[in-house]
N, C-alpha and C. Protein backbone atom coordinates (compact mmCIF):
# COMPACT_ATOMS: atom_id res chain seq x y z
N UNK A 1 45.53 125.02 91.56
CA UNK A 1 45.96 124.16 92.65
C UNK A 1 44.91 124.07 93.75
N UNK A 2 44.21 125.19 94.00
CA UNK A 2 43.17 125.18 95.03
C UNK A 2 42.04 124.23 94.64
N UNK A 3 41.74 124.18 93.35
CA UNK A 3 40.70 123.29 92.86
C UNK A 3 41.04 121.84 93.20
N UNK A 4 42.28 121.46 92.97
CA UNK A 4 42.73 120.10 93.29
C UNK A 4 42.69 119.87 94.80
N UNK A 5 43.16 120.85 95.56
CA UNK A 5 43.20 120.70 97.01
C UNK A 5 41.81 120.44 97.59
N UNK A 6 40.83 121.20 97.15
CA UNK A 6 39.50 121.09 97.75
C UNK A 6 38.63 119.99 97.15
N UNK A 7 38.97 119.51 95.97
CA UNK A 7 38.11 118.50 95.35
C UNK A 7 38.70 117.09 95.38
N UNK A 8 40.01 116.97 95.45
CA UNK A 8 40.62 115.64 95.37
C UNK A 8 41.42 115.24 96.61
N UNK A 9 41.86 116.20 97.39
CA UNK A 9 42.71 115.89 98.55
C UNK A 9 41.94 116.03 99.84
N UNK A 10 42.29 115.41 100.91
CA UNK A 10 43.35 114.43 101.04
C UNK A 10 42.91 113.07 100.50
N UNK A 11 43.88 112.26 100.17
CA UNK A 11 43.60 110.89 99.74
C UNK A 11 44.04 109.97 100.87
N UNK A 12 43.06 109.34 101.48
CA UNK A 12 43.35 108.40 102.57
C UNK A 12 43.46 107.01 101.98
N UNK A 13 44.46 106.29 102.37
CA UNK A 13 44.65 104.93 101.89
C UNK A 13 44.05 103.91 102.85
N UNK A 14 43.96 104.28 104.10
CA UNK A 14 43.37 103.38 105.09
C UNK A 14 42.94 104.22 106.28
N UNK A 15 42.07 103.66 107.06
CA UNK A 15 41.56 104.34 108.24
C UNK A 15 40.99 103.27 109.16
N UNK A 16 40.68 103.63 110.37
CA UNK A 16 40.09 102.68 111.30
C UNK A 16 38.59 102.54 111.11
N UNK A 17 38.04 103.28 110.17
CA UNK A 17 36.61 103.23 109.92
C UNK A 17 36.21 101.95 109.21
N UNK A 18 35.02 101.48 109.52
CA UNK A 18 34.45 100.34 108.79
C UNK A 18 33.78 100.90 107.54
N UNK A 19 34.33 100.62 106.38
CA UNK A 19 33.80 101.16 105.12
C UNK A 19 33.13 100.10 104.28
N UNK A 20 32.76 99.00 104.91
CA UNK A 20 32.15 97.91 104.14
C UNK A 20 30.82 98.29 103.52
N UNK A 21 30.10 99.23 104.13
CA UNK A 21 28.82 99.69 103.58
C UNK A 21 28.90 101.11 103.03
N UNK A 22 30.09 101.56 102.72
CA UNK A 22 30.29 102.93 102.26
C UNK A 22 29.67 103.15 100.88
N UNK A 23 29.22 104.38 100.69
CA UNK A 23 28.66 104.79 99.40
C UNK A 23 29.73 105.55 98.64
N UNK A 24 29.91 105.21 97.39
CA UNK A 24 30.92 105.87 96.56
C UNK A 24 30.31 106.87 95.59
N UNK A 25 28.99 106.82 95.41
CA UNK A 25 28.35 107.76 94.50
C UNK A 25 26.90 107.99 94.90
N UNK A 26 26.38 109.16 94.49
CA UNK A 26 25.00 109.56 94.75
C UNK A 26 24.47 110.06 93.42
N UNK A 27 23.55 109.34 92.82
CA UNK A 27 23.08 109.63 91.46
C UNK A 27 21.65 110.16 91.39
N UNK A 28 21.01 110.40 92.52
CA UNK A 28 19.63 110.92 92.51
C UNK A 28 19.66 112.44 92.54
N UNK A 29 19.24 113.09 91.45
CA UNK A 29 19.28 114.56 91.39
C UNK A 29 18.50 115.21 92.53
N UNK A 30 19.08 116.24 93.06
CA UNK A 30 18.53 117.11 94.11
C UNK A 30 18.50 116.48 95.51
N UNK A 31 18.87 115.23 95.65
CA UNK A 31 18.84 114.58 96.96
C UNK A 31 19.78 115.28 97.95
N UNK A 32 21.02 115.47 97.57
CA UNK A 32 21.99 116.13 98.45
C UNK A 32 21.63 117.59 98.66
N UNK A 33 21.23 118.27 97.60
CA UNK A 33 20.88 119.69 97.70
C UNK A 33 19.74 119.89 98.70
N UNK A 34 18.69 119.12 98.57
CA UNK A 34 17.55 119.24 99.50
C UNK A 34 17.97 118.90 100.93
N UNK A 35 18.82 117.90 101.08
CA UNK A 35 19.32 117.55 102.41
C UNK A 35 20.11 118.72 103.01
N UNK A 36 20.99 119.32 102.22
CA UNK A 36 21.78 120.46 102.70
C UNK A 36 20.87 121.62 103.09
N UNK A 37 19.87 121.91 102.25
CA UNK A 37 18.96 123.02 102.53
C UNK A 37 18.14 122.78 103.79
N UNK A 38 17.84 121.55 104.09
CA UNK A 38 17.09 121.22 105.31
C UNK A 38 17.98 121.23 106.55
N UNK A 39 19.27 121.28 106.35
CA UNK A 39 20.21 121.21 107.47
C UNK A 39 21.22 122.36 107.45
N UNK A 40 20.74 123.57 107.16
CA UNK A 40 21.63 124.72 107.07
C UNK A 40 22.23 125.11 108.42
N UNK A 41 21.73 124.53 109.49
CA UNK A 41 22.30 124.81 110.81
C UNK A 41 23.59 124.02 111.05
N UNK A 42 23.90 123.10 110.15
CA UNK A 42 25.14 122.31 110.26
C UNK A 42 26.18 122.94 109.32
N UNK A 43 27.23 123.54 109.89
CA UNK A 43 28.20 124.27 109.06
C UNK A 43 28.79 123.49 107.89
N UNK A 44 29.08 122.21 108.08
CA UNK A 44 29.70 121.44 107.00
C UNK A 44 28.77 121.34 105.80
N UNK A 45 27.46 121.31 106.02
CA UNK A 45 26.51 121.24 104.90
C UNK A 45 26.42 122.57 104.18
N UNK A 46 26.52 123.66 104.93
CA UNK A 46 26.53 125.00 104.31
C UNK A 46 27.77 125.14 103.44
N UNK A 47 28.91 124.70 103.96
CA UNK A 47 30.16 124.76 103.19
C UNK A 47 30.06 123.90 101.94
N UNK A 48 29.50 122.70 102.07
CA UNK A 48 29.34 121.80 100.93
C UNK A 48 28.45 122.43 99.87
N UNK A 49 27.32 122.98 100.28
CA UNK A 49 26.35 123.57 99.35
C UNK A 49 26.94 124.78 98.63
N UNK A 50 27.40 125.76 99.40
CA UNK A 50 27.90 126.98 98.79
C UNK A 50 29.29 126.80 98.18
N UNK A 51 30.07 125.89 98.72
CA UNK A 51 31.37 125.59 98.13
C UNK A 51 31.25 125.07 96.71
N UNK A 52 30.30 124.15 96.51
CA UNK A 52 30.08 123.63 95.16
C UNK A 52 29.48 124.69 94.25
N UNK A 53 28.69 125.59 94.82
CA UNK A 53 28.08 126.64 94.01
C UNK A 53 29.14 127.64 93.52
N UNK A 54 30.11 127.96 94.34
CA UNK A 54 31.11 128.97 93.96
C UNK A 54 32.40 128.37 93.41
N UNK A 55 32.51 127.04 93.38
CA UNK A 55 33.76 126.39 92.95
C UNK A 55 34.23 126.87 91.58
N UNK A 56 33.35 126.91 90.60
CA UNK A 56 33.74 127.28 89.24
C UNK A 56 33.35 128.71 88.87
N UNK A 57 32.75 129.45 89.81
CA UNK A 57 32.31 130.82 89.54
C UNK A 57 33.47 131.72 89.09
N UNK A 58 34.61 131.74 89.78
CA UNK A 58 35.71 132.60 89.32
C UNK A 58 36.21 132.23 87.92
N UNK A 59 36.22 130.95 87.62
CA UNK A 59 36.65 130.49 86.30
C UNK A 59 35.71 131.02 85.22
N UNK A 60 34.41 131.04 85.51
CA UNK A 60 33.42 131.56 84.56
C UNK A 60 33.63 133.05 84.33
N UNK A 61 33.90 133.78 85.40
CA UNK A 61 34.15 135.22 85.25
C UNK A 61 35.39 135.44 84.40
N UNK A 62 36.44 134.70 84.68
CA UNK A 62 37.68 134.82 83.91
C UNK A 62 37.45 134.55 82.42
N UNK A 63 36.69 133.52 82.11
CA UNK A 63 36.46 133.16 80.70
C UNK A 63 35.49 134.10 79.99
N UNK A 64 34.65 134.81 80.74
CA UNK A 64 33.61 135.62 80.12
C UNK A 64 33.80 137.12 80.28
N UNK A 65 34.77 137.58 81.04
CA UNK A 65 34.87 139.00 81.35
C UNK A 65 35.22 139.85 80.13
N UNK A 66 36.10 139.38 79.28
CA UNK A 66 36.47 140.16 78.10
C UNK A 66 35.52 139.94 76.95
N UNK A 67 35.03 138.72 76.81
CA UNK A 67 34.16 138.37 75.69
C UNK A 67 33.09 137.41 76.19
N UNK A 68 31.84 137.77 75.97
CA UNK A 68 30.75 136.89 76.40
C UNK A 68 30.75 135.63 75.55
N UNK A 69 30.82 134.50 76.21
CA UNK A 69 30.79 133.20 75.53
C UNK A 69 29.34 132.79 75.31
N UNK A 70 29.14 131.84 74.42
CA UNK A 70 27.79 131.37 74.12
C UNK A 70 27.20 130.62 75.31
N UNK A 71 25.88 130.52 75.33
CA UNK A 71 25.21 129.76 76.38
C UNK A 71 25.67 128.31 76.36
N UNK A 72 25.83 127.76 75.17
CA UNK A 72 26.28 126.37 75.04
C UNK A 72 27.67 126.20 75.68
N UNK A 73 28.57 127.12 75.41
CA UNK A 73 29.91 127.09 76.01
C UNK A 73 29.81 127.13 77.53
N UNK A 74 28.94 128.01 78.03
CA UNK A 74 28.79 128.20 79.47
C UNK A 74 28.04 127.07 80.16
N UNK A 75 27.49 126.15 79.40
CA UNK A 75 26.88 124.96 79.98
C UNK A 75 27.81 123.76 79.84
N UNK A 76 28.38 123.59 78.65
CA UNK A 76 29.24 122.43 78.38
C UNK A 76 30.55 122.49 79.17
N UNK A 77 31.17 123.66 79.25
CA UNK A 77 32.46 123.79 79.94
C UNK A 77 32.39 123.35 81.40
N UNK A 78 31.44 123.86 82.20
CA UNK A 78 31.42 123.40 83.60
C UNK A 78 31.00 121.93 83.74
N UNK A 79 30.20 121.44 82.80
CA UNK A 79 29.84 120.02 82.86
C UNK A 79 31.09 119.16 82.68
N UNK A 80 31.92 119.52 81.71
CA UNK A 80 33.15 118.76 81.46
C UNK A 80 34.10 118.85 82.66
N UNK A 81 34.29 120.07 83.18
CA UNK A 81 35.19 120.24 84.33
C UNK A 81 34.68 119.49 85.55
N UNK A 82 33.41 119.68 85.86
CA UNK A 82 32.83 119.06 87.04
C UNK A 82 32.77 117.54 86.91
N UNK A 83 32.41 117.06 85.74
CA UNK A 83 32.36 115.61 85.52
C UNK A 83 33.76 115.00 85.64
N UNK A 84 34.77 115.74 85.19
CA UNK A 84 36.16 115.27 85.35
C UNK A 84 36.53 115.16 86.82
N UNK A 85 36.18 116.17 87.60
CA UNK A 85 36.47 116.16 89.04
C UNK A 85 35.77 114.99 89.72
N UNK A 86 34.48 114.85 89.45
CA UNK A 86 33.69 113.79 90.09
C UNK A 86 34.20 112.40 89.68
N UNK A 87 34.57 112.25 88.42
CA UNK A 87 35.09 110.97 87.94
C UNK A 87 36.43 110.65 88.59
N UNK A 88 37.29 111.66 88.73
CA UNK A 88 38.57 111.45 89.43
C UNK A 88 38.35 111.06 90.88
N UNK A 89 37.37 111.69 91.53
CA UNK A 89 37.06 111.32 92.91
C UNK A 89 36.65 109.85 93.01
N UNK A 90 35.79 109.43 92.10
CA UNK A 90 35.33 108.04 92.08
C UNK A 90 36.49 107.09 91.78
N UNK A 91 37.34 107.47 90.84
CA UNK A 91 38.49 106.64 90.49
C UNK A 91 39.44 106.49 91.68
N UNK A 92 39.69 107.58 92.38
CA UNK A 92 40.55 107.52 93.57
C UNK A 92 39.94 106.58 94.62
N UNK A 93 38.63 106.67 94.79
CA UNK A 93 37.95 105.78 95.74
C UNK A 93 38.11 104.31 95.36
N UNK A 94 37.96 104.01 94.08
CA UNK A 94 38.09 102.62 93.64
C UNK A 94 39.53 102.13 93.75
N UNK A 95 40.49 102.99 93.43
CA UNK A 95 41.90 102.59 93.52
C UNK A 95 42.30 102.35 94.98
N UNK A 96 41.91 103.27 95.86
CA UNK A 96 42.28 103.15 97.27
C UNK A 96 41.36 102.22 98.04
N UNK A 97 40.24 101.88 97.45
CA UNK A 97 39.20 101.08 98.10
C UNK A 97 38.78 101.70 99.43
N UNK A 98 38.72 103.03 99.40
CA UNK A 98 38.32 103.80 100.57
C UNK A 98 37.51 105.00 100.09
N UNK A 99 36.38 105.29 100.72
CA UNK A 99 35.53 106.41 100.26
C UNK A 99 36.08 107.78 100.66
N UNK A 100 37.05 108.26 99.91
CA UNK A 100 37.62 109.58 100.18
C UNK A 100 36.62 110.69 99.87
N UNK A 101 36.07 110.66 98.72
CA UNK A 101 35.06 111.63 98.25
C UNK A 101 33.95 110.82 97.61
N UNK A 102 32.83 111.47 97.37
CA UNK A 102 31.69 110.78 96.77
C UNK A 102 31.35 111.44 95.45
N UNK A 103 31.15 110.64 94.41
CA UNK A 103 30.67 111.13 93.12
C UNK A 103 29.21 111.52 93.34
N UNK A 104 28.90 112.81 93.28
CA UNK A 104 27.54 113.29 93.57
C UNK A 104 27.02 114.10 92.40
N UNK A 105 25.91 113.66 91.83
CA UNK A 105 25.32 114.35 90.69
C UNK A 105 24.91 115.78 91.07
N UNK A 106 24.59 116.00 92.34
CA UNK A 106 24.22 117.35 92.77
C UNK A 106 25.42 118.30 92.75
N UNK A 107 26.62 117.77 92.94
CA UNK A 107 27.81 118.60 92.78
C UNK A 107 27.90 119.14 91.35
N UNK A 108 27.58 118.29 90.39
CA UNK A 108 27.56 118.72 88.98
C UNK A 108 26.56 119.86 88.80
N UNK A 109 25.36 119.69 89.33
CA UNK A 109 24.32 120.72 89.18
C UNK A 109 24.75 122.04 89.82
N UNK A 110 25.31 121.96 91.02
CA UNK A 110 25.74 123.18 91.71
C UNK A 110 26.92 123.84 91.01
N UNK A 111 27.86 123.05 90.52
CA UNK A 111 29.00 123.61 89.78
C UNK A 111 28.56 124.33 88.52
N UNK A 112 27.64 123.73 87.77
CA UNK A 112 27.13 124.36 86.54
C UNK A 112 26.36 125.62 86.89
N UNK A 113 25.53 125.58 87.93
CA UNK A 113 24.77 126.77 88.34
C UNK A 113 25.72 127.89 88.73
N UNK A 114 26.77 127.57 89.48
CA UNK A 114 27.75 128.58 89.87
C UNK A 114 28.48 129.17 88.68
N UNK A 115 28.81 128.32 87.72
CA UNK A 115 29.48 128.79 86.51
C UNK A 115 28.57 129.76 85.75
N UNK A 116 27.28 129.42 85.65
CA UNK A 116 26.33 130.29 84.95
C UNK A 116 26.15 131.62 85.69
N UNK A 117 26.16 131.58 87.02
CA UNK A 117 26.09 132.82 87.80
C UNK A 117 27.32 133.67 87.51
N UNK A 118 28.49 133.05 87.46
CA UNK A 118 29.71 133.77 87.14
C UNK A 118 29.67 134.39 85.76
N UNK A 119 29.12 133.66 84.79
CA UNK A 119 28.99 134.18 83.42
C UNK A 119 28.07 135.39 83.40
N UNK A 120 26.96 135.32 84.15
CA UNK A 120 26.04 136.46 84.23
C UNK A 120 26.69 137.66 84.92
N UNK A 121 27.41 137.40 86.00
CA UNK A 121 28.11 138.49 86.69
C UNK A 121 29.10 139.17 85.78
N UNK A 122 29.81 138.41 84.97
CA UNK A 122 30.79 139.01 84.06
C UNK A 122 30.09 139.83 82.98
N UNK A 123 28.92 139.38 82.56
CA UNK A 123 28.15 140.12 81.56
C UNK A 123 27.74 141.49 82.12
N UNK A 124 27.24 141.50 83.36
CA UNK A 124 26.85 142.77 83.99
C UNK A 124 28.06 143.63 84.30
N UNK A 125 29.16 143.02 84.67
CA UNK A 125 30.39 143.78 84.94
C UNK A 125 30.88 144.47 83.67
N UNK A 126 30.82 143.76 82.54
CA UNK A 126 31.22 144.36 81.27
C UNK A 126 30.31 145.53 80.92
N UNK A 127 29.02 145.39 81.17
CA UNK A 127 28.07 146.47 80.87
C UNK A 127 28.35 147.69 81.74
N UNK A 128 28.64 147.47 83.02
CA UNK A 128 28.94 148.58 83.93
C UNK A 128 30.24 149.25 83.53
N UNK A 129 31.25 148.46 83.22
CA UNK A 129 32.54 149.01 82.79
C UNK A 129 32.37 149.80 81.50
N UNK A 130 31.58 149.27 80.57
CA UNK A 130 31.32 149.96 79.31
C UNK A 130 30.63 151.30 79.52
N UNK A 131 29.66 151.35 80.41
CA UNK A 131 28.95 152.62 80.66
C UNK A 131 29.86 153.61 81.38
N UNK A 132 30.74 153.13 82.25
CA UNK A 132 31.69 154.03 82.91
C UNK A 132 32.68 154.61 81.91
N UNK A 133 33.11 153.80 80.94
CA UNK A 133 34.03 154.29 79.91
C UNK A 133 33.36 155.38 79.07
N UNK A 134 32.07 155.19 78.76
CA UNK A 134 31.34 156.19 77.99
C UNK A 134 31.22 157.50 78.76
N UNK A 135 30.99 157.44 80.04
CA UNK A 135 30.88 158.66 80.86
C UNK A 135 32.20 159.41 80.94
N UNK A 136 33.30 158.67 80.93
CA UNK A 136 34.61 159.30 81.05
C UNK A 136 35.09 159.93 79.75
N UNK A 137 34.43 159.59 78.64
CA UNK A 137 34.89 160.13 77.35
C UNK A 137 34.36 161.49 77.09
């Protein structure tokens, strides 16, 4: 539910803003990421950058903690999830004719990177847990 709350809501149907020149998608890789990194003094950009990085991290840990999944699984899964989120955001924008969220290719990159970090963390956590079990025996 938190995933839906932070990625799709709120859905505005109208506002007093002039949205005639609004952008509904950003397809240039690294454009948003570099912009966020250059503006880390602005809290909303820090939240956007790190929020996208950690969005799927817990899911990766959950899927990999008991059994390490293949690299292909750990790349394809977050691409599918993230692409679904971004596509839903774009669809909502087109239906409401209001730029609620923006389809951003950099969100995909950050989501996949976060998922891979989570997969690595789970791998190291399993190794630590395994060595602790050996010491206790």
